[in-house]
């Protein structure tokens, strides 16, 4: 399954319980996360990866990316940027 298809499936799963923003840029414009989900003023980001790329070097690359994203501020609403928890999906275990 391609990454875009996977993101679309996640949106279908989450849409009834969360407000969803797609392809959200960081305040510095260096990063773009696939999804920002929010519920009751709690926000978190979801970075989606292809299912077939869960190998050693790629996993390390994904973790480094998540660390960088967790240090950035992402747009949560018009003109408001905030540091948010970042999840990688699917899980890397």
Protein backbone atom coordinates (compact mmCIF):
# COMPACT_ATOMS: atom_id res chain seq x y z
CA UNK A 1 0.00 0.00 0.00
CA UNK A 2 1.29 3.43 -0.91
CA UNK A 3 1.74 6.07 1.78
CA UNK A 4 -1.04 8.30 0.42
CA UNK A 5 -3.52 5.40 0.50
CA UNK A 6 -2.50 4.64 4.07
CA UNK A 7 -3.02 8.28 5.10
CA UNK A 8 -6.48 8.24 3.50
CA UNK A 9 -7.40 5.08 5.45
CA UNK A 10 -6.25 6.69 8.70
CA UNK A 11 -8.34 9.78 7.96
CA UNK A 12 -11.39 7.54 7.46
CA UNK A 13 -10.73 5.89 10.83
CA UNK A 14 -10.11 9.12 12.77
CA UNK A 15 -12.59 11.51 11.13
CA UNK A 16 -15.50 10.74 13.47
CA UNK A 17 -13.50 11.43 16.64
CA UNK A 18 -10.86 14.02 15.74
CA UNK A 19 -10.49 17.26 13.85
CA UNK A 20 -7.96 16.48 11.12
CA UNK A 21 -5.52 18.67 9.24
CA UNK A 22 -3.50 17.17 6.38
CA UNK A 23 0.03 18.04 5.29
CA UNK A 24 0.73 20.61 7.98
CA UNK A 25 3.90 22.69 7.82
CA UNK A 26 6.09 23.68 10.72
CA UNK A 27 6.53 27.32 11.68
CA UNK A 28 10.05 27.30 10.19
CA UNK A 29 8.65 25.76 6.95
CA UNK A 30 11.36 23.04 7.00
CA UNK A 31 9.03 20.19 7.97
CA UNK A 32 5.67 18.87 6.81
CA UNK A 33 3.78 16.28 8.81
CA UNK A 34 1.09 14.10 7.25
CA UNK A 35 -1.64 14.66 9.84
CA UNK A 36 -2.35 16.84 12.85
CA UNK A 37 -5.22 15.43 14.89
CA UNK A 38 -6.99 17.32 17.66
CA UNK A 39 -9.56 16.56 20.30
CA UNK A 40 -10.52 18.77 23.25
CA UNK A 41 -7.63 21.20 22.70
CA UNK A 42 -5.11 18.30 22.64
CA UNK A 43 -3.05 18.07 19.45
CA UNK A 44 -0.70 15.43 18.07
CA UNK A 45 1.00 14.73 14.79
CA UNK A 46 1.05 11.52 12.79
CA UNK A 47 3.84 10.87 10.30
CA UNK A 48 2.93 7.97 8.01
CA UNK A 49 5.40 5.61 6.42
CA UNK A 50 5.16 2.83 3.88
CA UNK A 51 4.59 -0.65 5.28
CA UNK A 52 7.42 -2.20 3.28
CA UNK A 53 10.17 0.13 4.52
CA UNK A 54 10.55 -1.02 8.13
CA UNK A 55 14.23 -2.05 8.03
CA UNK A 56 17.18 -1.03 10.20
CA UNK A 57 18.46 2.07 8.43
CA UNK A 58 14.98 3.25 7.51
CA UNK A 59 13.72 2.84 11.09
CA UNK A 60 16.63 4.94 12.37
CA UNK A 61 15.83 7.57 9.73
CA UNK A 62 12.16 7.64 10.79
CA UNK A 63 13.05 8.01 14.46
CA UNK A 64 15.43 10.89 13.70
CA UNK A 65 12.70 12.54 11.65
CA UNK A 66 10.21 12.18 14.53
CA UNK A 67 12.73 13.71 16.95
CA UNK A 68 13.23 16.70 14.64
CA UNK A 69 9.46 17.06 14.25
CA UNK A 70 8.93 16.92 18.02
CA UNK A 71 11.25 19.92 18.39
CA UNK A 72 9.38 21.97 15.77
CA UNK A 73 6.18 23.96 16.14
CA UNK A 74 3.34 22.94 13.82
CA UNK A 75 0.34 25.00 12.79
CA UNK A 76 -2.62 23.99 14.95
CA UNK A 77 -4.89 26.80 13.77
CA UNK A 78 -4.66 29.98 11.75
CA UNK A 79 -1.58 31.87 12.95
CA UNK A 80 -0.99 29.54 15.94
CA UNK A 81 1.96 27.14 16.06
CA UNK A 82 2.70 24.69 18.86
CA UNK A 83 5.07 21.83 19.73
CA UNK A 84 3.04 18.62 19.61
CA UNK A 85 3.68 14.93 20.30
CA UNK A 86 4.62 13.03 17.14
CA UNK A 87 3.62 9.46 16.31
CA UNK A 88 5.01 7.33 13.49
CA UNK A 89 2.46 5.09 11.83
CA UNK A 90 2.51 2.19 11.38
CA UNK A 91 4.32 1.39 14.60
CA UNK A 92 7.98 0.50 14.14
CA UNK A 93 8.06 -2.51 16.46
